[in-house]
Protein backbone atom coordinates (compact mmCIF):
# COMPACT_ATOMS: atom_id res chain seq x y z
CA UNK A 1 -9.85 62.33 28.11
CA UNK A 2 -13.05 60.48 28.92
CA UNK A 3 -14.74 57.88 26.72
CA UNK A 4 -18.31 56.64 26.87
CA UNK A 5 -19.05 52.95 27.32
CA UNK A 6 -20.50 52.90 23.78
CA UNK A 7 -17.25 54.29 22.36
CA UNK A 8 -15.14 51.70 24.18
CA UNK A 9 -17.34 48.84 23.04
CA UNK A 10 -17.19 50.13 19.48
CA UNK A 11 -13.40 50.29 19.61
CA UNK A 12 -13.23 46.71 20.92
CA UNK A 13 -15.50 45.51 18.15
CA UNK A 14 -13.29 47.20 15.55
CA UNK A 15 -10.19 45.47 16.94
CA UNK A 16 -12.00 42.12 16.95
CA UNK A 17 -13.02 42.53 13.32
CA UNK A 18 -9.49 43.47 12.32
CA UNK A 19 -7.85 40.51 14.11
CA UNK A 20 -6.91 37.58 11.85
CA UNK A 21 -8.94 34.40 12.09
CA UNK A 22 -7.05 31.74 14.03
CA UNK A 23 -6.23 28.78 11.83
CA UNK A 24 -7.56 25.36 12.78
CA UNK A 25 -4.79 22.76 12.92
CA UNK A 26 -5.34 19.22 11.68
CA UNK A 27 -2.78 16.49 12.30
CA UNK A 28 -2.21 14.07 9.42
CA UNK A 29 -0.59 10.68 10.04
CA UNK A 30 0.91 9.33 6.85
CA UNK A 31 3.43 6.87 5.45
CA UNK A 32 6.91 7.82 4.22
CA UNK A 33 6.54 6.70 0.61
CA UNK A 34 7.06 8.77 -2.49
CA UNK A 35 3.45 9.65 -3.27
CA UNK A 36 2.78 10.86 0.27
CA UNK A 37 6.00 12.90 0.35
CA UNK A 38 4.91 14.50 -2.94
CA UNK A 39 1.53 15.35 -1.39
CA UNK A 40 3.29 17.20 1.42
CA UNK A 41 5.35 19.19 -1.11
CA UNK A 42 2.21 20.27 -2.94
CA UNK A 43 0.16 20.98 0.20
CA UNK A 44 1.02 24.69 0.07
CA UNK A 45 -1.58 24.86 -2.71
CA UNK A 46 -4.17 23.69 -0.19
CA UNK A 47 -3.14 26.02 2.63
CA UNK A 48 -3.09 28.98 0.25
CA UNK A 49 -6.68 28.21 -0.72
CA UNK A 50 -7.63 27.45 2.91
CA UNK A 51 -5.72 29.87 5.17
CA UNK A 52 -8.02 28.88 8.02
CA UNK A 53 -6.54 25.35 8.09
CA UNK A 54 -2.97 24.54 9.21
CA UNK A 55 -1.51 21.12 8.41
CA UNK A 56 0.62 19.25 10.96
CA UNK A 57 2.34 16.22 9.38
CA UNK A 58 3.36 13.06 11.20
CA UNK A 59 5.29 10.97 8.65
CA UNK A 60 6.23 7.45 9.69
CA UNK A 61 7.70 4.21 8.36
CA UNK A 62 4.94 1.81 7.32
CA UNK A 63 5.06 -0.64 10.23
CA UNK A 64 5.31 2.17 12.80
CA UNK A 65 2.45 4.09 11.18
CA UNK A 66 0.18 1.06 11.44
CA UNK A 67 1.06 0.48 15.08
CA UNK A 68 0.50 4.07 16.16
CA UNK A 69 -2.74 4.77 14.30
CA UNK A 70 -4.20 1.42 15.39
CA UNK A 71 -3.42 2.19 19.02
CA UNK A 72 -4.77 5.72 18.77
CA UNK A 73 -8.05 4.84 17.12
CA UNK A 74 -8.73 1.80 19.31
CA UNK A 75 -8.25 3.90 22.46
CA UNK A 76 -10.04 6.93 20.91
CA UNK A 77 -6.94 8.94 21.72
CA UNK A 78 -7.76 11.73 19.26
CA UNK A 79 -4.10 12.34 18.39
CA UNK A 80 -4.78 12.47 14.63
CA UNK A 81 -7.44 14.09 12.45
CA UNK A 82 -6.54 12.34 9.20
CA UNK A 83 -5.27 8.76 9.03
CA UNK A 84 -3.48 7.09 6.15
CA UNK A 85 -4.78 3.53 6.27
CA UNK A 86 -5.31 0.62 3.92
CA UNK A 87 -8.34 -1.15 2.58
CA UNK A 88 -7.63 -3.84 5.20
CA UNK A 89 -8.42 -1.49 8.10
CA UNK A 90 -11.27 0.55 6.61
CA UNK A 91 -14.17 -1.97 6.74
CA UNK A 92 -13.02 -3.41 10.07
CA UNK A 93 -12.73 -0.01 11.74
CA UNK A 94 -15.91 1.31 10.14
CA UNK A 95 -17.84 -1.62 11.61
CA UNK A 96 -16.56 -0.53 15.04
CA UNK A 97 -17.82 3.05 14.46
CA UNK A 98 -14.23 4.27 14.63
CA UNK A 99 -14.37 6.17 11.32
CA UNK A 100 -16.44 9.09 10.06
CA UNK A 101 -18.30 8.41 6.77
CA UNK A 102 -16.75 10.23 3.83
CA UNK A 103 -20.01 11.55 2.41
CA UNK A 104 -21.27 14.96 1.30
CA UNK A 105 -18.02 15.70 -0.49
CA UNK A 106 -17.74 19.05 -2.31
CA UNK A 107 -19.40 19.54 -5.68
CA UNK A 108 -17.24 18.15 -8.46
CA UNK A 109 -15.51 15.54 -6.29
CA UNK A 110 -17.18 12.76 -8.34
CA UNK A 111 -17.09 9.74 -6.04
CA UNK A 112 -18.65 7.69 -8.85
CA UNK A 113 -15.36 8.04 -10.75
CA UNK A 114 -13.54 5.92 -8.14
CA UNK A 115 -12.63 2.49 -9.54
CA UNK A 116 -15.41 0.05 -8.54
CA UNK A 117 -13.10 -2.49 -6.86
CA UNK A 118 -11.49 0.21 -4.73
CA UNK A 119 -14.76 1.89 -3.81
CA UNK A 120 -16.29 -1.43 -2.78
CA UNK A 121 -13.29 -2.21 -0.58
CA UNK A 122 -13.71 1.10 1.26
CA UNK A 123 -17.47 0.89 1.79
CA UNK A 124 -19.70 -0.67 4.42
CA UNK A 125 -23.39 -0.95 3.56
CA UNK A 126 -22.73 1.19 0.46
CA UNK A 127 -21.31 4.03 2.57
CA UNK A 128 -17.76 5.22 1.81
CA UNK A 129 -15.58 5.45 4.94
CA UNK A 130 -12.28 6.56 3.38
CA UNK A 131 -11.16 8.34 0.23
CA UNK A 132 -8.49 6.56 -1.84
CA UNK A 133 -5.25 8.45 -2.44
CA UNK A 134 -3.74 5.77 -4.65
CA UNK A 135 -4.43 2.14 -5.45
CA UNK A 136 -2.29 -0.74 -6.60
CA UNK A 137 -1.95 -4.37 -7.45
CA UNK A 138 1.40 -6.17 -7.68
CA UNK A 139 3.44 -6.58 -10.86
CA UNK A 140 6.86 -7.63 -12.10
CA UNK A 141 9.33 -4.84 -12.88
CA UNK A 142 12.53 -5.93 -14.59
CA UNK A 143 15.60 -4.65 -16.40
CA UNK A 144 15.10 -5.19 -20.12
CA UNK A 145 18.79 -4.57 -20.86
CA UNK A 146 19.97 -7.16 -18.34
CA UNK A 147 17.45 -9.71 -19.57
CA UNK A 148 18.62 -9.21 -23.14
CA UNK A 149 22.27 -9.44 -22.15
CA UNK A 150 21.58 -12.64 -20.19
CA UNK A 151 19.65 -14.16 -23.07
CA UNK A 152 16.42 -14.64 -21.11
CA UNK A 153 12.85 -13.58 -21.79
CA UNK A 154 10.26 -12.60 -19.20
CA UNK A 155 6.87 -13.14 -20.82
CA UNK A 156 3.90 -10.88 -20.19
CA UNK A 157 2.35 -13.56 -17.96
CA UNK A 158 5.35 -15.29 -16.37
CA UNK A 159 5.47 -18.36 -14.17
CA UNK A 160 7.69 -18.60 -11.11
CA UNK A 161 9.97 -20.87 -13.13
CA UNK A 162 10.41 -18.06 -15.67
CA UNK A 163 11.26 -15.66 -12.84
CA UNK A 164 13.78 -17.95 -11.16
CA UNK A 165 15.47 -18.74 -14.48
CA UNK A 166 15.78 -15.04 -15.33
CA UNK A 167 16.96 -14.10 -11.83
CA UNK A 168 19.71 -16.70 -11.96
CA UNK A 169 20.87 -15.50 -15.37
CA UNK A 170 20.94 -11.82 -14.33
CA UNK A 171 22.87 -12.32 -11.09
CA UNK A 172 26.46 -11.13 -10.80
CA UNK A 173 27.12 -10.59 -7.12
CA UNK A 174 30.74 -9.56 -7.71
CA UNK A 175 29.37 -6.52 -9.55
CA UNK A 176 26.62 -5.94 -6.96
CA UNK A 177 24.11 -7.01 -9.55
CA UNK A 178 21.34 -9.04 -7.93
CA UNK A 179 18.90 -11.05 -10.00
CA UNK A 180 15.87 -10.39 -7.81
CA UNK A 181 14.73 -8.12 -4.98
CA UNK A 182 11.72 -9.03 -2.83
CA UNK A 183 10.35 -7.84 0.50
CA UNK A 184 12.03 -9.42 3.50
CA UNK A 185 11.34 -6.94 6.31
CA UNK A 186 8.89 -8.56 8.78
CA UNK A 187 5.38 -7.18 9.06
CA UNK A 188 1.87 -8.11 8.03
CA UNK A 189 2.00 -5.39 5.37
CA UNK A 190 5.65 -5.92 4.47
CA UNK A 191 7.05 -9.41 3.87
CA UNK A 192 3.69 -11.06 4.57
CA UNK A 193 1.91 -8.94 1.96
CA UNK A 194 4.30 -10.32 -0.63
CA UNK A 195 4.41 -13.87 0.74
CA UNK A 196 0.63 -14.09 1.09
CA UNK A 197 0.23 -13.04 -2.55
CA UNK A 198 2.96 -15.46 -3.58
CA UNK A 199 1.35 -18.28 -1.61
CA UNK A 200 -1.97 -17.55 -3.31
CA UNK A 201 -0.25 -17.95 -6.66
CA UNK A 202 1.08 -21.33 -5.49
CA UNK A 203 -2.42 -22.50 -4.54
CA UNK A 204 -1.91 -22.09 -0.78
CA UNK A 205 -4.26 -20.53 1.76
CA UNK A 206 -3.97 -19.20 5.30
CA UNK A 207 -6.93 -21.13 6.70
CA UNK A 208 -9.25 -23.89 5.58
CA UNK A 209 -13.03 -23.57 5.82
CA UNK A 210 -12.91 -24.56 9.52
CA UNK A 211 -10.36 -21.77 10.20
CA UNK A 212 -7.55 -24.26 10.70
CA UNK A 213 -4.12 -22.84 9.87
CA UNK A 214 -2.53 -24.29 6.73
CA UNK A 215 1.20 -23.61 7.12
CA UNK A 216 1.76 -27.36 7.33
CA UNK A 217 0.51 -27.73 3.73
CA UNK A 218 2.76 -28.65 0.77
CA UNK A 219 1.75 -25.43 -1.01
CA UNK A 220 3.12 -23.26 1.80
CA UNK A 221 6.28 -25.37 2.01
CA UNK A 222 6.90 -24.88 -1.70
CA UNK A 223 6.16 -21.14 -1.46
CA UNK A 224 8.60 -20.47 1.37
CA UNK A 225 11.29 -22.76 -0.05
CA UNK A 226 11.28 -21.02 -3.43
CA UNK A 227 11.16 -17.57 -1.82
CA UNK A 228 14.19 -18.33 0.35
CA UNK A 229 16.04 -19.87 -2.59
CA UNK A 230 15.50 -16.83 -4.79
CA UNK A 231 16.66 -14.34 -2.18
CA UNK A 232 19.57 -16.29 -0.74
CA UNK A 233 20.98 -17.29 -4.14
CA UNK A 234 20.06 -14.32 -6.33
CA UNK A 235 19.08 -11.54 -3.92
CA UNK A 236 20.98 -8.71 -2.20
CA UNK A 237 22.69 -9.07 1.18
CA UNK A 238 20.57 -8.16 4.19
CA UNK A 239 17.33 -8.96 2.36
CA UNK A 240 15.55 -9.69 5.65
CA UNK A 241 15.72 -5.94 6.40
CA UNK A 242 14.43 -4.77 3.03
CA UNK A 243 10.89 -3.54 2.57
CA UNK A 244 9.25 -1.53 -0.20
CA UNK A 245 11.41 1.59 0.17
CA UNK A 246 14.71 -0.28 0.46
CA UNK A 247 14.02 -2.37 -2.65
CA UNK A 248 12.88 0.70 -4.56
CA UNK A 249 16.22 2.35 -3.82
CA UNK A 250 18.14 -0.75 -4.93
CA UNK A 251 16.20 -0.96 -8.19
CA UNK A 252 16.61 2.74 -8.94
CA UNK A 253 20.37 2.34 -8.38
CA UNK A 254 20.48 -0.41 -10.98
CA UNK A 255 21.22 -3.22 -8.53
CA UNK A 256 18.10 -5.38 -9.11
CA UNK A 257 17.38 -7.38 -12.23
CA UNK A 258 13.80 -8.15 -11.15
CA UNK A 259 11.62 -6.54 -8.52
CA UNK A 260 8.12 -7.88 -7.79
CA UNK A 261 6.09 -5.47 -5.72
CA UNK A 262 3.31 -2.90 -5.66
CA UNK A 263 2.45 -1.43 -9.05
CA UNK A 264 2.64 2.09 -7.57
CA UNK A 265 6.44 1.70 -7.74
CA UNK A 266 6.32 1.77 -11.53
CA UNK A 267 6.20 5.57 -11.69
CA UNK A 268 9.30 5.81 -9.47
CA UNK A 269 11.46 3.27 -11.30
CA UNK A 270 10.69 5.05 -14.58
CA UNK A 271 11.40 8.52 -13.18
CA UNK A 272 14.52 9.75 -15.03
CA UNK A 273 15.37 12.22 -12.25
CA UNK A 274 15.67 9.54 -9.57
CA UNK A 275 16.14 6.23 -11.37
CA UNK A 276 19.36 5.36 -13.19
CA UNK A 277 17.49 2.69 -15.19
CA UNK A 278 14.35 4.66 -16.05
CA UNK A 279 14.46 3.83 -19.77
CA UNK A 280 15.32 0.16 -19.26
CA UNK A 281 12.30 -1.13 -17.32
CA UNK A 282 9.82 -3.72 -18.53
CA UNK A 283 6.62 -4.88 -16.84
CA UNK A 284 4.76 -8.18 -16.48
CA UNK A 285 1.91 -9.58 -14.41
CA UNK A 286 2.46 -11.12 -10.99
CA UNK A 287 3.75 -14.69 -11.60
CA UNK A 288 1.82 -17.88 -11.04
CA UNK A 289 2.86 -21.45 -10.33
CA UNK A 290 2.49 -23.76 -13.31
CA UNK A 291 -0.98 -25.26 -13.20
CA UNK A 292 -2.38 -22.68 -10.75
CA UNK A 293 -4.66 -20.04 -12.26
CA UNK A 294 -3.95 -17.27 -9.76
CA UNK A 295 -1.67 -14.25 -10.13
CA UNK A 296 -1.65 -13.25 -6.47
CA UNK A 297 -4.93 -11.31 -6.12
CA UNK A 298 -3.09 -8.33 -4.61
CA UNK A 299 -5.37 -5.31 -4.24
CA UNK A 300 -4.37 -2.43 -2.03
CA UNK A 301 -5.12 1.24 -1.63
CA UNK A 302 -3.68 3.85 0.68
CA UNK A 303 -6.59 5.96 1.83
CA UNK A 304 -7.29 9.05 3.89
CA UNK A 305 -9.83 8.58 6.66
CA UNK A 306 -11.16 10.61 9.59
CA UNK A 307 -11.23 9.01 13.06
CA UNK A 308 -14.42 9.51 15.04
CA UNK A 309 -12.25 10.92 17.84
CA UNK A 310 -11.16 13.93 15.72
CA UNK A 311 -12.34 17.31 16.96
CA UNK A 312 -11.74 18.89 13.54
CA UNK A 313 -13.78 16.64 11.30
CA UNK A 314 -15.00 19.33 8.88
CA UNK A 315 -11.50 20.66 8.29
CA UNK A 316 -10.20 17.10 7.91
CA UNK A 317 -12.86 16.35 5.28
CA UNK A 318 -11.96 19.53 3.41
CA UNK A 319 -8.34 18.38 3.21
CA UNK A 320 -9.23 14.82 2.21
CA UNK A 321 -11.49 16.11 -0.57
CA UNK A 322 -8.60 18.18 -1.94
CA UNK A 323 -5.94 15.45 -1.70
CA UNK A 324 -8.02 12.75 -3.41
CA UNK A 325 -9.72 14.88 -6.06
CA UNK A 326 -9.33 15.07 -9.83
CA UNK A 327 -7.93 18.56 -9.30
CA UNK A 328 -5.11 17.13 -7.19
CA UNK A 329 -4.30 14.64 -9.94
CA UNK A 330 -4.12 17.52 -12.40
CA UNK A 331 -1.90 19.45 -9.97
CA UNK A 332 0.59 16.57 -9.80
CA UNK A 333 0.59 16.34 -13.59
CA UNK A 334 1.20 20.08 -13.87
CA UNK A 335 4.17 20.01 -11.49
CA UNK A 336 5.74 16.61 -12.19
CA UNK A 337 4.12 15.21 -15.34
CA UNK A 338 1.35 12.71 -15.91
CA UNK A 339 3.62 9.75 -15.17
CA UNK A 340 3.62 10.82 -11.50
CA UNK A 341 -0.18 11.05 -11.13
CA UNK A 342 -1.51 8.98 -8.20
CA UNK A 343 -2.55 5.69 -9.82
CA UNK A 344 -5.23 3.12 -9.25
CA UNK A 345 -8.13 5.16 -7.91
CA UNK A 346 -10.06 6.91 -10.70
CA UNK A 347 -11.50 5.56 -13.94
CA UNK A 348 -10.98 8.93 -15.64
CA UNK A 349 -7.20 8.68 -15.21
CA UNK A 350 -7.07 5.49 -17.27
CA UNK A 351 -9.22 7.10 -19.94
CA UNK A 352 -6.80 10.04 -20.17
CA UNK A 353 -4.68 9.86 -23.33
CA UNK A 354 -1.95 12.03 -21.80
CA UNK A 355 -1.58 9.62 -18.87
CA UNK A 356 -1.57 6.57 -21.13
CA UNK A 357 1.19 8.12 -23.23
CA UNK A 358 3.31 9.10 -20.22
CA UNK A 359 2.84 5.93 -18.15
CA UNK A 360 3.91 2.71 -19.93
CA UNK A 361 2.71 0.79 -16.87
CA UNK A 362 -0.86 2.15 -16.94
CA UNK A 363 -2.49 -0.70 -18.84
CA UNK A 364 -0.86 -3.51 -16.84
CA UNK A 365 -1.70 -1.78 -13.54
CA UNK A 366 -5.36 -1.44 -14.43
CA UNK A 367 -5.53 -5.01 -15.74
CA UNK A 368 -3.95 -6.36 -12.56
CA UNK A 369 -6.35 -4.41 -10.35
CA UNK A 370 -9.37 -5.47 -12.40
CA UNK A 371 -8.25 -9.12 -12.26
CA UNK A 372 -7.75 -9.22 -8.48
CA UNK A 373 -10.42 -11.37 -6.83
CA UNK A 374 -10.32 -10.49 -3.14
CA UNK A 375 -13.52 -12.46 -2.54
CA UNK A 376 -11.59 -15.65 -3.26
CA UNK A 377 -7.89 -15.19 -2.66
CA UNK A 378 -6.92 -18.84 -3.21
CA UNK A 379 -7.94 -21.44 -5.76
CA UNK A 380 -8.92 -23.47 -2.70
CA UNK A 381 -12.01 -22.60 -0.68
CA UNK A 382 -11.37 -20.01 2.03
CA UNK A 383 -13.59 -18.56 4.78
CA UNK A 384 -12.08 -15.07 4.48
CA UNK A 385 -11.72 -12.25 1.99
CA UNK A 386 -8.64 -10.23 1.09
CA UNK A 387 -5.87 -10.69 -1.46
CA UNK A 388 -2.46 -10.17 0.17
CA UNK A 389 -4.04 -10.15 3.63
CA UNK A 390 -6.76 -11.93 5.58
CA UNK A 391 -9.57 -9.50 6.36
CA UNK A 392 -10.04 -10.29 10.05
CA UNK A 393 -8.98 -8.06 12.98
CA UNK A 394 -6.58 -10.69 14.32
CA UNK A 395 -4.50 -10.70 11.13
CA UNK A 396 -2.35 -7.74 12.16
CA UNK A 397 -0.91 -9.61 15.12
CA UNK A 398 -0.77 -13.06 13.56
CA UNK A 399 0.59 -11.78 10.26
CA UNK A 400 3.39 -9.87 11.91
CA UNK A 401 4.34 -12.81 14.15
CA UNK A 402 4.46 -15.15 11.15
CA UNK A 403 6.44 -12.53 9.22
CA UNK A 404 9.05 -12.50 11.95
CA UNK A 405 9.46 -16.28 11.68
CA UNK A 406 9.90 -16.10 7.91
CA UNK A 407 12.35 -13.18 8.17
CA UNK A 408 14.39 -15.23 10.64
CA UNK A 409 14.55 -18.05 8.09
CA UNK A 410 15.70 -15.58 5.43
CA UNK A 411 18.39 -14.28 7.78
CA UNK A 412 19.62 -17.85 8.31
CA UNK A 413 18.59 -17.97 11.95
CA UNK A 414 16.21 -20.90 11.42
CA UNK A 415 15.16 -23.31 8.71
CA UNK A 416 12.15 -23.13 6.41
CA UNK A 417 10.67 -26.19 8.09
CA UNK A 418 11.09 -24.72 11.59
CA UNK A 419 9.64 -21.36 10.49
CA UNK A 420 6.57 -23.02 8.99
CA UNK A 421 6.10 -25.13 12.11
CA UNK A 422 6.32 -22.04 14.31
CA UNK A 423 3.90 -20.18 12.01
CA UNK A 424 1.43 -23.08 12.26
CA UNK A 425 1.67 -23.09 16.05
CA UNK A 426 1.31 -19.31 16.33
CA UNK A 427 -1.68 -19.08 13.99
CA UNK A 428 -3.39 -22.06 15.65
CA UNK A 429 -2.90 -20.66 19.16
CA UNK A 430 -4.01 -17.11 18.33
CA UNK A 431 -7.06 -18.19 16.35
CA UNK A 432 -8.14 -20.41 19.24
CA UNK A 433 -7.73 -17.50 21.66
CA UNK A 434 -9.83 -15.33 19.36
CA UNK A 435 -12.61 -17.93 19.36
CA UNK A 436 -12.52 -19.14 15.76
CA UNK A 437 -14.53 -20.56 14.19
CA UNK A 438 -17.14 -18.01 15.23
């Protein structure tokens, strides 16, 4: 049988129309914490609505995530289409033209609903360069039953003396009951996030106005000494290896009397399906040192951003708009209850009566975020911004190196004095190499 050219072309066109559209794959680099794992579980809702987009997940431990995405974006490697990064990286990377502006979001996204402090932290020249997935400050989480049994009270605005007294009273190491759990794992976003916030509350600072390192100051000596005392006397074994996830697990298992960390943890420690102490948790503000009017100034958000090297920027923006929208918040509430809604990003969430009723930590989280003053982290004058970090590109390297020194002191491999001396030398050397003051 013979066919005309027109017939053959028509048949080919019919086949082409019938063939399914090939899905565009976007690779998402994210951190292995509870909120991000939940997002992956719910992502089938996105792919059902967007069959033309396939999601490839790269889920990493926090320190490894930071290392890999920093390397990829600085070299314009193009390995990822969506990055999970913090409000530390966003303005620095945006200034380097490494990020795509997150503008022209779909109708109904309501960028004006983003909490002002968070939106400001993610903007350069009033342009948003990342969409916040969740935000946090740092708060005290503690076992109300253990405090009552020990005869101690943790006030709503505790001092470090209150915390140490309570930790001592709640400690029973023979029963694997530890009075306090704090970050010890080295890293600029791990132990140094906590220790920088703690040092702020003691009146310390990283650098003076001439960018001279301040680890030889009495405030830093007092900070590190008290930190080491709390963890070595009242903390769990192996504390120098414990970061956010490890301490979360310990608290959920009922092994921590007090845990001071990111407020985002509150929804997990009060989750009755995963926490054995869900109905026995109280909350307080981040402590301060007597006479120092500073409760740490911790302000953080995990955000979704698009690297300029991505070849699938439109698809990446479509996903980001879904994952950080009001509709996503409602989806989480529908599946897991309002207590699990991503916190710290949208004003409307804190105006929602259902969320307020389900989340006993809502008010203290919002108050802590509103009170954070990242423009002036210390009560002393500082030449930098940032709460639990110093907002300069060099901080990643310096912060991690200092964190390793302090983790070594916690592990008993060196003394507090030697660790502070090494931190002073490291910071001084690296800042000189970087040409500060500039």
